[in-house]
Amino acid sequence: MITVNLYYTGINGSARAFAAEMESSGVADEIRNEPGNLRYQYFTPLDDPETVLLIDSWTDQTAIDTHHASPMMQKIMELREKYDLHMTAERFISEDMGSDEKFIRK
């Protein structure tokens, strides 16, 4: 699994408005239904009201590449522009938890 954390930052609540429109317009649900998507979920940091975190997980790089080549990306880019958002990203590749598993309370 590949997970990308995208931090959208704006001013005057624009990042939250972007995430709200992604949800209300159905774009987020369309992405969740794309082949290979495992998670597409927005969060807001408690210490930064002008940033929204998107956790975006995919089965593999092929699924991400297919998503990036889809018409859905144009919709996302238009909304990013509409809300004048700036972004940073972190990318993670999942692996077996190994001995860390004992510290995870389920």
PDB file of N, CA and C in Angstrom:
ATOM      1  N   MET A   1       0.841  -1.171   0.000  1.00  0.00           N
ATOM      2  CA  MET A   1       0.000   0.000   0.000  1.00  0.00           C
ATOM      3  C   MET A   1       0.894   1.244   0.000  1.00  0.00           C
ATOM      4  N   ILE A   2       0.464   2.253  -0.749  1.00  0.00           N
ATOM      5  CA  ILE A   2       1.158   3.530  -0.782  1.00  0.00           C
ATOM      6  C   ILE A   2       0.198   4.584  -0.238  1.00  0.00           C
ATOM      7  N   THR A   3       0.668   5.348   0.733  1.00  0.00           N
ATOM      8  CA  THR A   3      -0.142   6.413   1.319  1.00  0.00           C
ATOM      9  C   THR A   3       0.553   7.745   1.094  1.00  0.00           C
ATOM     10  N   VAL A   4      -0.229   8.712   0.646  1.00  0.00           N
ATOM     11  CA  VAL A   4       0.279  10.062   0.455  1.00  0.00           C
ATOM     12  C   VAL A   4      -0.504  10.979   1.384  1.00  0.00           C
ATOM     13  N   ASN A   5       0.205  11.691   2.235  1.00  0.00           N
ATOM     14  CA  ASN A   5      -0.410  12.714   3.075  1.00  0.00           C
ATOM     15  C   ASN A   5      -0.231  14.043   2.362  1.00  0.00           C
ATOM     16  N   LEU A   6      -1.342  14.661   2.012  1.00  0.00           N
ATOM     17  CA  LEU A   6      -1.312  15.957   1.341  1.00  0.00           C
ATOM     18  C   LEU A   6      -1.833  17.010   2.302  1.00  0.00           C
ATOM     19  N   TYR A   7      -1.034  18.027   2.523  1.00  0.00           N
ATOM     20  CA  TYR A   7      -1.416  19.135   3.397  1.00  0.00           C
ATOM     21  C   TYR A   7      -1.809  20.316   2.514  1.00  0.00           C
ATOM     22  N   TYR A   8      -3.076  20.668   2.557  1.00  0.00           N
ATOM     23  CA  TYR A   8      -3.598  21.815   1.811  1.00  0.00           C
ATOM     24  C   TYR A   8      -3.660  23.002   2.762  1.00  0.00           C
ATOM     25  N   THR A   9      -3.021  24.100   2.398  1.00  0.00           N
ATOM     26  CA  THR A   9      -3.015  25.284   3.247  1.00  0.00           C
ATOM     27  C   THR A   9      -3.499  26.486   2.447  1.00  0.00           C
ATOM     28  N   GLY A  10      -4.371  27.264   3.080  1.00  0.00           N
ATOM     29  CA  GLY A  10      -4.900  28.470   2.454  1.00  0.00           C
ATOM     30  C   GLY A  10      -5.039  29.563   3.496  1.00  0.00           C
ATOM     31  N   ILE A  11      -5.949  30.483   3.225  1.00  0.00           N
ATOM     32  CA  ILE A  11      -6.235  31.561   4.181  1.00  0.00           C
ATOM     33  C   ILE A  11      -7.752  31.708   4.318  1.00  0.00           C
ATOM     34  N   ASN A  12      -8.166  32.254   5.446  1.00  0.00           N
ATOM     35  CA  ASN A  12      -9.578  32.543   5.700  1.00  0.00           C
ATOM     36  C   ASN A  12     -10.492  31.333   5.505  1.00  0.00           C
ATOM     37  N   GLY A  13     -10.009  30.161   5.913  1.00  0.00           N
ATOM     38  CA  GLY A  13     -10.837  28.960   5.852  1.00  0.00           C
ATOM     39  C   GLY A  13     -10.935  28.306   4.494  1.00  0.00           C
ATOM     40  N   SER A  14     -10.091  28.723   3.532  1.00  0.00           N
ATOM     41  CA  SER A  14     -10.208  28.184   2.174  1.00  0.00           C
ATOM     42  C   SER A  14      -9.887  26.692   2.085  1.00  0.00           C
ATOM     43  N   ALA A  15      -8.971  26.192   2.897  1.00  0.00           N
ATOM     44  CA  ALA A  15      -8.649  24.764   2.846  1.00  0.00           C
ATOM     45  C   ALA A  15      -9.842  23.926   3.317  1.00  0.00           C
ATOM     46  N   ARG A  16     -10.500  24.370   4.358  1.00  0.00           N
ATOM     47  CA  ARG A  16     -11.692  23.658   4.843  1.00  0.00           C
ATOM     48  C   ARG A  16     -12.828  23.754   3.833  1.00  0.00           C
ATOM     49  N   ALA A  17     -12.965  24.908   3.195  1.00  0.00           N
ATOM     50  CA  ALA A  17     -13.998  25.068   2.171  1.00  0.00           C
ATOM     51  C   ALA A  17     -13.729  24.148   0.984  1.00  0.00           C
ATOM     52  N   PHE A  18     -12.456  24.015   0.605  1.00  0.00           N
ATOM     53  CA  PHE A  18     -12.067  23.088  -0.463  1.00  0.00           C
ATOM     54  C   PHE A  18     -12.486  21.665  -0.107  1.00  0.00           C
ATOM     55  N   ALA A  19     -12.119  21.204   1.089  1.00  0.00           N
ATOM     56  CA  ALA A  19     -12.457  19.833   1.503  1.00  0.00           C
ATOM     57  C   ALA A  19     -13.972  19.643   1.549  1.00  0.00           C
ATOM     58  N   ALA A  20     -14.696  20.657   2.037  1.00  0.00           N
ATOM     59  CA  ALA A  20     -16.156  20.567   2.097  1.00  0.00           C
ATOM     60  C   ALA A  20     -16.746  20.445   0.689  1.00  0.00           C
ATOM     61  N   GLU A  21     -16.205  21.203  -0.257  1.00  0.00           N
ATOM     62  CA  GLU A  21     -16.713  21.113  -1.629  1.00  0.00           C
ATOM     63  C   GLU A  21     -16.337  19.784  -2.277  1.00  0.00           C
ATOM     64  N   MET A  22     -15.146  19.278  -1.989  1.00  0.00           N
ATOM     65  CA  MET A  22     -14.772  17.954  -2.501  1.00  0.00           C
ATOM     66  C   MET A  22     -15.784  16.902  -2.042  1.00  0.00           C
ATOM     67  N   GLU A  23     -16.220  17.008  -0.794  1.00  0.00           N
ATOM     68  CA  GLU A  23     -17.191  16.056  -0.257  1.00  0.00           C
ATOM     69  C   GLU A  23     -18.597  16.315  -0.807  1.00  0.00           C
ATOM     70  N   SER A  24     -19.061  17.551  -0.735  1.00  0.00           N
ATOM     71  CA  SER A  24     -20.450  17.849  -1.122  1.00  0.00           C
ATOM     72  C   SER A  24     -20.695  17.683  -2.620  1.00  0.00           C
ATOM     73  N   SER A  25     -19.673  17.889  -3.430  1.00  0.00           N
ATOM     74  CA  SER A  25     -19.827  17.758  -4.887  1.00  0.00           C
ATOM     75  C   SER A  25     -19.791  16.310  -5.361  1.00  0.00           C
ATOM     76  N   GLY A  26     -19.362  15.405  -4.482  1.00  0.00           N
ATOM     77  CA  GLY A  26     -19.264  13.996  -4.867  1.00  0.00           C
ATOM     78  C   GLY A  26     -17.917  13.607  -5.438  1.00  0.00           C
ATOM     79  N   VAL A  27     -17.019  14.573  -5.617  1.00  0.00           N
ATOM     80  CA  VAL A  27     -15.702  14.259  -6.184  1.00  0.00           C
ATOM     81  C   VAL A  27     -14.951  13.282  -5.276  1.00  0.00           C
ATOM     82  N   ALA A  28     -14.975  13.518  -3.975  1.00  0.00           N
ATOM     83  CA  ALA A  28     -14.263  12.629  -3.049  1.00  0.00           C
ATOM     84  C   ALA A  28     -14.815  11.206  -3.137  1.00  0.00           C
ATOM     85  N   ASP A  29     -16.122  11.061  -3.212  1.00  0.00           N
ATOM     86  CA  ASP A  29     -16.714   9.725  -3.330  1.00  0.00           C
ATOM     87  C   ASP A  29     -16.335   9.059  -4.653  1.00  0.00           C
ATOM     88  N   GLU A  30     -16.267   9.841  -5.732  1.00  0.00           N
ATOM     89  CA  GLU A  30     -15.836   9.280  -7.015  1.00  0.00           C
ATOM     90  C   GLU A  30     -14.417   8.734  -6.904  1.00  0.00           C
ATOM     91  N   ILE A  31     -13.549   9.461  -6.218  1.00  0.00           N
ATOM     92  CA  ILE A  31     -12.170   9.006  -6.037  1.00  0.00           C
ATOM     93  C   ILE A  31     -12.149   7.741  -5.188  1.00  0.00           C
ATOM     94  N   ARG A  32     -12.936   7.721  -4.120  1.00  0.00           N
ATOM     95  CA  ARG A  32     -12.990   6.529  -3.260  1.00  0.00           C
ATOM     96  C   ARG A  32     -13.430   5.290  -4.036  1.00  0.00           C
ATOM     97  N   ASN A  33     -14.185   5.486  -5.091  1.00  0.00           N
ATOM     98  CA  ASN A  33     -14.675   4.364  -5.893  1.00  0.00           C
ATOM     99  C   ASN A  33     -13.751   3.990  -7.049  1.00  0.00           C
ATOM    100  N   GLU A  34     -12.648   4.714  -7.212  1.00  0.00           N
ATOM    101  CA  GLU A  34     -11.700   4.375  -8.268  1.00  0.00           C
ATOM    102  C   GLU A  34     -10.984   3.069  -7.915  1.00  0.00           C
ATOM    103  N   PRO A  35     -10.678   2.248  -8.928  1.00  0.00           N
ATOM    104  CA  PRO A  35      -9.952   1.006  -8.658  1.00  0.00           C
ATOM    105  C   PRO A  35      -8.621   1.273  -7.953  1.00  0.00           C
ATOM    106  N   GLY A  36      -8.379   0.559  -6.875  1.00  0.00           N
ATOM    107  CA  GLY A  36      -7.128   0.671  -6.144  1.00  0.00           C
ATOM    108  C   GLY A  36      -7.133   1.674  -5.016  1.00  0.00           C
ATOM    109  N   ASN A  37      -8.189   2.481  -4.888  1.00  0.00           N
ATOM    110  CA  ASN A  37      -8.216   3.436  -3.782  1.00  0.00           C
ATOM    111  C   ASN A  37      -8.618   2.711  -2.506  1.00  0.00           C
ATOM    112  N   LEU A  38      -7.838   2.905  -1.463  1.00  0.00           N
ATOM    113  CA  LEU A  38      -8.096   2.279  -0.168  1.00  0.00           C
ATOM    114  C   LEU A  38      -8.593   3.271   0.872  1.00  0.00           C
ATOM    115  N   ARG A  39      -8.195   4.521   0.709  1.00  0.00           N
ATOM    116  CA  ARG A  39      -8.602   5.547   1.675  1.00  0.00           C
ATOM    117  C   ARG A  39      -8.455   6.920   1.039  1.00  0.00           C
ATOM    118  N   TYR A  40      -9.445   7.753   1.284  1.00  0.00           N
ATOM    119  CA  TYR A  40      -9.421   9.138   0.819  1.00  0.00           C
ATOM    120  C   TYR A  40     -10.208   9.910   1.863  1.00  0.00           C
ATOM    121  N   GLN A  41      -9.495  10.496   2.817  1.00  0.00           N
ATOM    122  CA  GLN A  41     -10.163  11.082   3.974  1.00  0.00           C
ATOM    123  C   GLN A  41      -9.454  12.353   4.421  1.00  0.00           C
ATOM    124  N   TYR A  42     -10.273  13.385   4.714  1.00  0.00           N
ATOM    125  CA  TYR A  42      -9.764  14.685   5.144  1.00  0.00           C
ATOM    126  C   TYR A  42      -9.789  14.808   6.666  1.00  0.00           C
ATOM    127  N   PHE A  43      -8.776  15.498   7.193  1.00  0.00           N
ATOM    128  CA  PHE A  43      -8.656  15.772   8.624  1.00  0.00           C
ATOM    129  C   PHE A  43      -8.205  17.217   8.799  1.00  0.00           C
ATOM    130  N   THR A  44      -8.485  17.782   9.961  1.00  0.00           N
ATOM    131  CA  THR A  44      -8.014  19.131  10.257  1.00  0.00           C
ATOM    132  C   THR A  44      -7.124  19.087  11.497  1.00  0.00           C
ATOM    133  N   PRO A  45      -5.906  19.623  11.405  1.00  0.00           N
ATOM    134  CA  PRO A  45      -5.017  19.675  12.563  1.00  0.00           C
ATOM    135  C   PRO A  45      -5.591  20.599  13.643  1.00  0.00           C
ATOM    136  N   LEU A  46      -5.487  20.203  14.881  1.00  0.00           N
ATOM    137  CA  LEU A  46      -6.000  21.010  15.983  1.00  0.00           C
ATOM    138  C   LEU A  46      -5.225  22.311  16.150  1.00  0.00           C
ATOM    139  N   ASP A  47      -3.959  22.308  15.754  1.00  0.00           N
ATOM    140  CA  ASP A  47      -3.119  23.486  15.972  1.00  0.00           C
ATOM    141  C   ASP A  47      -2.973  24.384  14.740  1.00  0.00           C
ATOM    142  N   ASP A  48      -3.707  24.084  13.645  1.00  0.00           N
ATOM    143  CA  ASP A  48      -3.564  24.885  12.426  1.00  0.00           C
ATOM    144  C   ASP A  48      -4.904  24.944  11.679  1.00  0.00           C
ATOM    145  N   PRO A  49      -5.733  25.932  11.971  1.00  0.00           N
ATOM    146  CA  PRO A  49      -7.057  26.005  11.349  1.00  0.00           C
ATOM    147  C   PRO A  49      -7.037  26.314   9.852  1.00  0.00           C
ATOM    148  N   GLU A  50      -5.889  26.675   9.311  1.00  0.00           N
ATOM    149  CA  GLU A  50      -5.798  27.005   7.879  1.00  0.00           C
ATOM    150  C   GLU A  50      -5.264  25.855   7.026  1.00  0.00           C
ATOM    151  N   THR A  51      -5.090  24.677   7.637  1.00  0.00           N
ATOM    152  CA  THR A  51      -4.584  23.520   6.905  1.00  0.00           C
ATOM    153  C   THR A  51      -5.563  22.362   7.032  1.00  0.00           C
ATOM    154  N   VAL A  52      -5.668  21.612   5.950  1.00  0.00           N
ATOM    155  CA  VAL A  52      -6.436  20.364   5.927  1.00  0.00           C
ATOM    156  C   VAL A  52      -5.488  19.276   5.457  1.00  0.00           C
ATOM    157  N   LEU A  53      -5.536  18.139   6.124  1.00  0.00           N
ATOM    158  CA  LEU A  53      -4.728  16.980   5.752  1.00  0.00           C
ATOM    159  C   LEU A  53      -5.604  15.987   5.011  1.00  0.00           C
ATOM    160  N   LEU A  54      -5.149  15.560   3.852  1.00  0.00           N
ATOM    161  CA  LEU A  54      -5.786  14.473   3.110  1.00  0.00           C
ATOM    162  C   LEU A  54      -4.905  13.250   3.228  1.00  0.00           C
ATOM    163  N   ILE A  55      -5.470  12.158   3.731  1.00  0.00           N
ATOM    164  CA  ILE A  55      -4.775  10.872   3.731  1.00  0.00           C
ATOM    165  C   ILE A  55      -5.341  10.084   2.555  1.00  0.00           C
ATOM    166  N   ASP A  56      -4.472   9.777   1.616  1.00  0.00           N
ATOM    167  CA  ASP A  56      -4.847   9.204   0.321  1.00  0.00           C
ATOM    168  C   ASP A  56      -4.045   7.916   0.133  1.00  0.00           C
ATOM    169  N   SER A  57      -4.708   6.757   0.222  1.00  0.00           N
ATOM    170  CA  SER A  57      -4.003   5.470   0.149  1.00  0.00           C
ATOM    171  C   SER A  57      -4.461   4.662  -1.060  1.00  0.00           C
ATOM    172  N   TRP A  58      -3.499   4.003  -1.682  1.00  0.00           N
ATOM    173  CA  TRP A  58      -3.735   3.235  -2.906  1.00  0.00           C
ATOM    174  C   TRP A  58      -3.046   1.876  -2.804  1.00  0.00           C
ATOM    175  N   THR A  59      -3.544   0.920  -3.558  1.00  0.00           N
ATOM    176  CA  THR A  59      -2.962  -0.427  -3.532  1.00  0.00           C
ATOM    177  C   THR A  59      -1.542  -0.444  -4.059  1.00  0.00           C
ATOM    178  N   ASP A  60      -1.274   0.362  -5.098  1.00  0.00           N
ATOM    179  CA  ASP A  60       0.058   0.350  -5.712  1.00  0.00           C
ATOM    180  C   ASP A  60       0.240   1.586  -6.590  1.00  0.00           C
ATOM    181  N   GLN A  61       1.430   1.717  -7.159  1.00  0.00           N
ATOM    182  CA  GLN A  61       1.747   2.883  -7.987  1.00  0.00           C
ATOM    183  C   GLN A  61       0.897   2.921  -9.248  1.00  0.00           C
ATOM    184  N   THR A  62       0.555   1.772  -9.798  1.00  0.00           N
ATOM    185  CA  THR A  62      -0.281   1.738 -10.998  1.00  0.00           C
ATOM    186  C   THR A  62      -1.629   2.396 -10.733  1.00  0.00           C
ATOM    187  N   ALA A  63      -2.212   2.123  -9.578  1.00  0.00           N
ATOM    188  CA  ALA A  63      -3.503   2.732  -9.224  1.00  0.00           C
ATOM    189  C   ALA A  63      -3.365   4.252  -9.099  1.00  0.00           C
ATOM    190  N   ILE A  64      -2.264   4.706  -8.510  1.00  0.00           N
ATOM    191  CA  ILE A  64      -2.032   6.158  -8.386  1.00  0.00           C
ATOM    192  C   ILE A  64      -1.857   6.783  -9.766  1.00  0.00           C
ATOM    193  N   ASP A  65      -1.071   6.134 -10.623  1.00  0.00           N
ATOM    194  CA  ASP A  65      -0.844   6.662 -11.969  1.00  0.00           C
ATOM    195  C   ASP A  65      -2.143   6.743 -12.759  1.00  0.00           C
ATOM    196  N   THR A  66      -2.999   5.737 -12.617  1.00  0.00           N
ATOM    197  CA  THR A  66      -4.294   5.729 -13.298  1.00  0.00           C
ATOM    198  C   THR A  66      -5.158   6.879 -12.788  1.00  0.00           C
ATOM    199  N   HIS A  67      -5.152   7.089 -11.477  1.00  0.00           N
ATOM    200  CA  HIS A  67      -5.897   8.205 -10.881  1.00  0.00           C
ATOM    201  C   HIS A  67      -5.372   9.539 -11.407  1.00  0.00           C
ATOM    202  N   HIS A  68      -4.070   9.700 -11.451  1.00  0.00           N
ATOM    203  CA  HIS A  68      -3.480  10.960 -11.916  1.00  0.00           C
ATOM    204  C   HIS A  68      -3.792  11.234 -13.388  1.00  0.00           C
ATOM    205  N   ALA A  69      -4.006  10.178 -14.179  1.00  0.00           N
ATOM    206  CA  ALA A  69      -4.315  10.329 -15.606  1.00  0.00           C
ATOM    207  C   ALA A  69      -5.816  10.469 -15.866  1.00  0.00           C
ATOM    208  N   SER A  70      -6.624  10.371 -14.821  1.00  0.00           N
ATOM    209  CA  SER A  70      -8.084  10.387 -14.984  1.00  0.00           C
ATOM    210  C   SER A  70      -8.623  11.816 -15.068  1.00  0.00           C
ATOM    211  N   PRO A  71      -9.832  11.970 -15.611  1.00  0.00           N
ATOM    212  CA  PRO A  71     -10.475  13.294 -15.641  1.00  0.00           C
ATOM    213  C   PRO A  71     -10.704  13.866 -14.233  1.00  0.00           C
ATOM    214  N   MET A  72     -10.703  13.003 -13.235  1.00  0.00           N
ATOM    215  CA  MET A  72     -10.897  13.431 -11.850  1.00  0.00           C
ATOM    216  C   MET A  72      -9.813  14.425 -11.425  1.00  0.00           C
ATOM    217  N   MET A  73      -8.597  14.240 -11.902  1.00  0.00           N
ATOM    218  CA  MET A  73      -7.505  15.134 -11.519  1.00  0.00           C
ATOM    219  C   MET A  73      -7.775  16.571 -11.982  1.00  0.00           C
ATOM    220  N   GLN A  74      -8.398  16.726 -13.134  1.00  0.00           N
ATOM    221  CA  GLN A  74      -8.714  18.079 -13.616  1.00  0.00           C
ATOM    222  C   GLN A  74      -9.688  18.762 -12.668  1.00  0.00           C
ATOM    223  N   LYS A  75     -10.676  18.024 -12.173  1.00  0.00           N
ATOM    224  CA  LYS A  75     -11.631  18.587 -11.214  1.00  0.00           C
ATOM    225  C   LYS A  75     -10.912  19.028  -9.936  1.00  0.00           C
ATOM    226  N   ILE A  76     -10.005  18.175  -9.456  1.00  0.00           N
ATOM    227  CA  ILE A  76      -9.263  18.498  -8.231  1.00  0.00           C
ATOM    228  C   ILE A  76      -8.403  19.739  -8.447  1.00  0.00           C
ATOM    229  N   MET A  77      -7.713  19.794  -9.574  1.00  0.00           N
ATOM    230  CA  MET A  77      -6.836  20.930  -9.849  1.00  0.00           C
ATOM    231  C   MET A  77      -7.639  22.225  -9.971  1.00  0.00           C
ATOM    232  N   GLU A  78      -8.824  22.159 -10.555  1.00  0.00           N
ATOM    233  CA  GLU A  78      -9.670  23.357 -10.659  1.00  0.00           C
ATOM    234  C   GLU A  78     -10.096  23.840  -9.272  1.00  0.00           C
ATOM    235  N   LEU A  79     -10.451  22.908  -8.381  1.00  0.00           N
ATOM    236  CA  LEU A  79     -10.844  23.303  -7.028  1.00  0.00           C
ATOM    237  C   LEU A  79      -9.652  23.841  -6.237  1.00  0.00           C
ATOM    238  N   ARG A  80      -8.485  23.250  -6.406  1.00  0.00           N
ATOM    239  CA  ARG A  80      -7.282  23.776  -5.738  1.00  0.00           C
ATOM    240  C   ARG A  80      -7.042  25.224  -6.155  1.00  0.00           C
ATOM    241  N   GLU A  81      -7.190  25.478  -7.447  1.00  0.00           N
ATOM    242  CA  GLU A  81      -6.988  26.826  -7.971  1.00  0.00           C
ATOM    243  C   GLU A  81      -8.075  27.773  -7.440  1.00  0.00           C
ATOM    244  N   LYS A  82      -9.311  27.320  -7.443  1.00  0.00           N
ATOM    245  CA  LYS A  82     -10.434  28.127  -6.966  1.00  0.00           C
ATOM    246  C   LYS A  82     -10.184  28.628  -5.542  1.00  0.00           C
ATOM    247  N   TYR A  83      -9.638  27.739  -4.695  1.00  0.00           N
ATOM    248  CA  TYR A  83      -9.416  28.086  -3.290  1.00  0.00           C
ATOM    249  C   TYR A  83      -7.990  28.578  -3.023  1.00  0.00           C
ATOM    250  N   ASP A  84      -7.166  28.706  -4.073  1.00  0.00           N
ATOM    251  CA  ASP A  84      -5.799  29.227  -3.971  1.00  0.00           C
ATOM    252  C   ASP A  84      -5.002  28.515  -2.883  1.00  0.00           C
ATOM    253  N   LEU A  85      -4.965  27.186  -2.981  1.00  0.00           N
ATOM    254  CA  LEU A  85      -4.297  26.383  -1.956  1.00  0.00           C
ATOM    255  C   LEU A  85      -2.848  26.097  -2.323  1.00  0.00           C
ATOM    256  N   HIS A  86      -2.025  25.996  -1.303  1.00  0.00           N
ATOM    257  CA  HIS A  86      -0.641  25.561  -1.441  1.00  0.00           C
ATOM    258  C   HIS A  86      -0.531  24.211  -0.762  1.00  0.00           C
ATOM    259  N   MET A  87       0.386  23.393  -1.240  1.00  0.00           N
ATOM    260  CA  MET A  87       0.438  22.012  -0.776  1.00  0.00           C
ATOM    261  C   MET A  87       1.845  21.580  -0.409  1.00  0.00           C
ATOM    262  N   THR A  88       1.898  20.662   0.546  1.00  0.00           N
ATOM    263  CA  THR A  88       3.099  19.869   0.799  1.00  0.00           C
ATOM    264  C   THR A  88       2.640  18.422   0.860  1.00  0.00           C
ATOM    265  N   ALA A  89       3.567  17.507   0.634  1.00  0.00           N
ATOM    266  CA  ALA A  89       3.203  16.095   0.577  1.00  0.00           C
ATOM    267  C   ALA A  89       4.249  15.232   1.259  1.00  0.00           C
ATOM    268  N   GLU A  90       3.765  14.134   1.796  1.00  0.00           N
ATOM    269  CA  GLU A  90       4.624  13.082   2.358  1.00  0.00           C
ATOM    270  C   GLU A  90       4.136  11.766   1.760  1.00  0.00           C
ATOM    271  N   ARG A  91       5.054  10.878   1.449  1.00  0.00           N
ATOM    272  CA  ARG A  91       4.699   9.599   0.820  1.00  0.00           C
ATOM    273  C   ARG A  91       5.249   8.463   1.671  1.00  0.00           C
ATOM    274  N   PHE A  92       4.400   7.464   1.912  1.00  0.00           N
ATOM    275  CA  PHE A  92       4.775   6.314   2.743  1.00  0.00           C
ATOM    276  C   PHE A  92       4.408   5.020   2.033  1.00  0.00           C
ATOM    277  N   ILE A  93       5.274   4.036   2.149  1.00  0.00           N
ATOM    278  CA  ILE A  93       4.987   2.705   1.631  1.00  0.00           C
ATOM    279  C   ILE A  93       4.868   1.783   2.835  1.00  0.00           C
ATOM    280  N   SER A  94       3.722   1.119   2.950  1.00  0.00           N
ATOM    281  CA  SER A  94       3.447   0.279   4.110  1.00  0.00           C
ATOM    282  C   SER A  94       4.240  -1.020   4.058  1.00  0.00           C
ATOM    283  N   GLU A  95       4.567  -1.476   5.232  1.00  0.00           N
ATOM    284  CA  GLU A  95       5.218  -2.772   5.368  1.00  0.00           C
ATOM    285  C   GLU A  95       4.687  -3.429   6.630  1.00  0.00           C
ATOM    286  N   ASP A  96       5.031  -4.674   6.834  1.00  0.00           N
ATOM    287  CA  ASP A  96       4.603  -5.414   8.018  1.00  0.00           C
ATOM    288  C   ASP A  96       5.034  -4.657   9.279  1.00  0.00           C
ATOM    289  N   MET A  97       4.150  -4.581  10.255  1.00  0.00           N
ATOM    290  CA  MET A  97       4.441  -3.865  11.500  1.00  0.00           C
ATOM    291  C   MET A  97       5.536  -4.543  12.321  1.00  0.00           C
ATOM    292  N   GLY A  98       5.759  -5.828  12.115  1.00  0.00           N
ATOM    293  CA  GLY A  98       6.808  -6.530  12.845  1.00  0.00           C
ATOM    294  C   GLY A  98       6.617  -6.446  14.350  1.00  0.00           C
ATOM    295  N   SER A  99       7.692  -6.187  15.077  1.00  0.00           N
ATOM    296  CA  SER A  99       7.635  -6.163  16.538  1.00  0.00           C
ATOM    297  C   SER A  99       6.860  -4.962  17.080  1.00  0.00           C
ATOM    298  N   ASP A 100       6.616  -3.947  16.264  1.00  0.00           N
ATOM    299  CA  ASP A 100       5.828  -2.792  16.701  1.00  0.00           C
ATOM    300  C   ASP A 100       4.368  -3.150  16.935  1.00  0.00           C
ATOM    301  N   GLU A 101       3.925  -4.244  16.368  1.00  0.00           N
ATOM    302  CA  GLU A 101       2.525  -4.662  16.486  1.00  0.00           C
ATOM    303  C   GLU A 101       2.078  -4.774  17.943  1.00  0.00           C
ATOM    304  N   LYS A 102       2.983  -5.162  18.840  1.00  0.00           N
ATOM    305  CA  LYS A 102       2.607  -5.346  20.243  1.00  0.00           C
ATOM    306  C   LYS A 102       2.234  -4.031  20.922  1.00  0.00           C
ATOM    307  N   PHE A 103       2.585  -2.886  20.304  1.00  0.00           N
ATOM    308  CA  PHE A 103       2.266  -1.583  20.905  1.00  0.00           C
ATOM    309  C   PHE A 103       0.956  -0.994  20.373  1.00  0.00           C
ATOM    310  N   ILE A 104       0.293  -1.699  19.466  1.00  0.00           N
ATOM    311  CA  ILE A 104      -0.948  -1.233  18.859  1.00  0.00           C
ATOM    312  C   ILE A 104      -2.126  -1.843  19.610  1.00  0.00           C
ATOM    313  N   ARG A 105      -2.901  -1.004  20.238  1.00  0.00           N
ATOM    314  CA  ARG A 105      -4.088  -1.472  20.964  1.00  0.00           C
ATOM    315  C   ARG A 105      -5.244  -1.534  19.976  1.00  0.00           C
ATOM    316  N   LYS A 106      -5.830  -2.691  19.861  1.00  0.00           N
ATOM    317  CA  LYS A 106      -6.959  -2.874  18.917  1.00  0.00           C
ATOM    318  C   LYS A 106      -8.242  -3.085  19.660  1.00  0.00           C
TER     319      LYS A 106
END
